[in-house]
Protein backbone atom coordinates (compact mmCIF):
# COMPACT_ATOMS: atom_id res chain seq x y z
CA MET A 1 4.58 21.32 18.01
CA LYS A 2 4.75 17.97 16.20
CA SER A 3 2.30 15.36 17.43
CA ASP A 4 2.55 11.57 17.20
CA THR A 5 -1.23 11.45 17.56
CA PHE A 6 -2.29 13.49 14.53
CA VAL A 7 -0.87 13.35 11.02
CA ARG A 8 -1.72 15.88 8.34
CA GLY A 9 -1.52 14.25 4.92
CA ALA A 10 0.16 17.32 3.47
CA ASP A 11 3.03 16.85 5.94
CA ALA A 12 3.59 13.13 5.31
CA PRO A 13 6.42 12.57 2.81
CA TRP A 14 5.91 10.75 -0.48
CA VAL A 15 8.36 8.02 -1.45
CA THR A 16 8.92 6.75 -4.98
CA THR A 17 9.22 3.00 -4.73
CA ASN A 18 11.41 0.68 -6.78
CA ASP A 19 8.21 -0.36 -8.58
CA VAL A 20 7.63 1.90 -11.60
CA GLY A 21 4.49 4.00 -11.26
CA LEU A 22 3.94 3.47 -7.52
CA HIS A 23 4.18 6.28 -4.99
CA ARG A 24 3.92 5.58 -1.27
CA GLN A 25 2.96 7.91 1.58
CA ILE A 26 3.43 6.63 5.13
CA LEU A 27 0.62 8.25 7.09
CA GLY A 28 1.39 6.73 10.46
CA HIS A 29 3.23 3.90 12.13
CA GLY A 30 4.27 2.35 15.38
CA PRO A 31 5.90 -1.00 16.09
CA ASP A 32 2.64 -2.94 15.75
CA LEU A 33 0.74 -1.05 13.05
CA MET A 34 1.32 0.99 9.89
CA LEU A 35 -1.03 3.00 7.64
CA VAL A 36 0.14 3.68 4.07
CA ARG A 37 -1.41 5.40 1.05
CA VAL A 38 -0.25 4.03 -2.30
CA ASP A 39 -0.94 5.87 -5.56
CA PHE A 40 -0.70 3.86 -8.79
CA GLU A 41 -0.16 5.48 -12.17
CA PRO A 42 -2.15 3.94 -15.06
CA GLY A 43 -0.84 0.46 -15.83
CA ALA A 44 1.27 0.27 -12.66
CA VAL A 45 1.90 -3.16 -11.20
CA GLY A 46 2.42 -4.10 -7.58
CA ALA A 47 4.43 -7.22 -8.44
CA LEU A 48 3.65 -10.56 -6.80
CA HIS A 49 5.44 -10.79 -3.47
CA HIS A 50 4.99 -12.01 0.11
CA HIS A 51 5.96 -10.81 3.57
CA PRO A 52 5.43 -11.90 7.18
CA HIS A 53 3.01 -9.02 7.86
CA ARG A 54 -0.77 -9.23 7.88
CA GLN A 55 -2.31 -6.65 5.56
CA VAL A 56 -5.68 -5.18 4.65
CA ALA A 57 -6.08 -2.88 1.65
CA TYR A 58 -8.98 -0.47 1.03
CA ILE A 59 -9.52 0.81 -2.50
CA VAL A 60 -10.10 4.56 -2.52
CA SER A 61 -10.18 5.04 -6.30
CA GLY A 62 -9.56 3.17 -9.52
CA ARG A 63 -9.96 -0.45 -10.51
CA PHE A 64 -7.52 -3.11 -9.32
CA GLU A 65 -6.91 -6.63 -10.55
CA VAL A 66 -5.94 -8.36 -7.30
CA THR A 67 -4.22 -11.73 -6.94
CA VAL A 68 -3.81 -13.49 -3.59
CA ASP A 69 -2.25 -16.94 -4.01
CA ASP A 70 -4.50 -18.62 -6.61
CA GLU A 71 -7.50 -16.32 -6.04
CA ARG A 72 -8.20 -13.39 -8.37
CA ALA A 73 -10.73 -10.56 -8.25
CA GLU A 74 -11.36 -7.22 -9.89
CA LEU A 75 -12.14 -4.67 -7.19
CA GLY A 76 -13.05 -0.99 -7.16
CA PRO A 77 -13.74 1.96 -4.86
CA GLY A 78 -15.07 0.93 -1.46
CA ASP A 79 -13.84 -2.67 -1.80
CA CYS A 80 -11.09 -4.19 0.31
CA PHE A 81 -9.01 -7.33 0.53
CA PHE A 82 -7.23 -9.14 3.36
CA ILE A 83 -3.84 -10.83 3.14
CA ALA A 84 -2.63 -13.27 5.77
CA ALA A 85 1.09 -13.46 6.56
CA ASP A 86 3.29 -14.97 3.85
CA ARG A 87 0.56 -15.22 1.17
CA VAL A 88 1.74 -14.34 -2.33
CA HIS A 89 -0.13 -11.28 -3.58
CA GLY A 90 0.00 -8.46 -6.09
CA VAL A 91 -2.15 -5.96 -7.98
CA VAL A 92 -2.44 -4.30 -11.37
CA ALA A 93 -4.07 -0.87 -11.75
CA PRO A 94 -5.00 -0.62 -15.45
CA ASP A 95 -6.33 2.94 -15.15
CA GLY A 96 -4.42 4.01 -12.03
CA GLY A 97 -5.86 4.38 -8.55
CA THR A 98 -5.24 4.68 -4.84
CA LEU A 99 -5.09 2.08 -2.06
CA ILE A 100 -4.89 2.52 1.69
CA ASP A 101 -2.84 -0.31 3.19
CA VAL A 102 -2.73 -1.30 6.86
CA PHE A 103 0.04 -3.62 8.05
CA THR A 104 0.64 -5.39 11.32
CA PRO A 105 3.32 -5.35 12.48
CA ALA A 106 4.74 -2.24 10.80
CA ARG A 107 6.74 -2.69 7.59
CA GLU A 108 10.17 -1.62 8.82
CA ASP A 109 11.49 -2.01 5.26
CA PHE A 110 9.19 0.86 4.21
CA LEU A 111 11.03 3.13 6.64
CA GLN A 112 14.42 2.58 4.97
CA PRO A 113 15.74 5.41 2.79
CA THR A 114 14.72 5.23 -0.88
CA ARG A 115 14.30 7.75 -3.67
CA ARG A 116 12.14 10.63 -2.45
CA ASP A 117 9.94 12.89 -4.56
């Protein structure tokens, strides 16, 4: 029986994004909250963008060059960063890595059909 309470990572589908070298796995979502794993291949870029969602990102592995508006930092495993609604932000993963992103409200655009692995 499928549960909305528990998600096994092996069962969550991977989505290849329109950004080269980024692969997204939606681990859970409801109208007010979304949890997403994002794997970055070496040199992958999460291009500068903004959205009306609040976001926190936790770095699981790798090194990330993070830009939020005019602030920049190099962050690594165990570090996190917070993004208020509509702030311009992006990352570069020189050696590849993994982020866990949390969004509120959920990113409905992430639920639209895209290329699937």
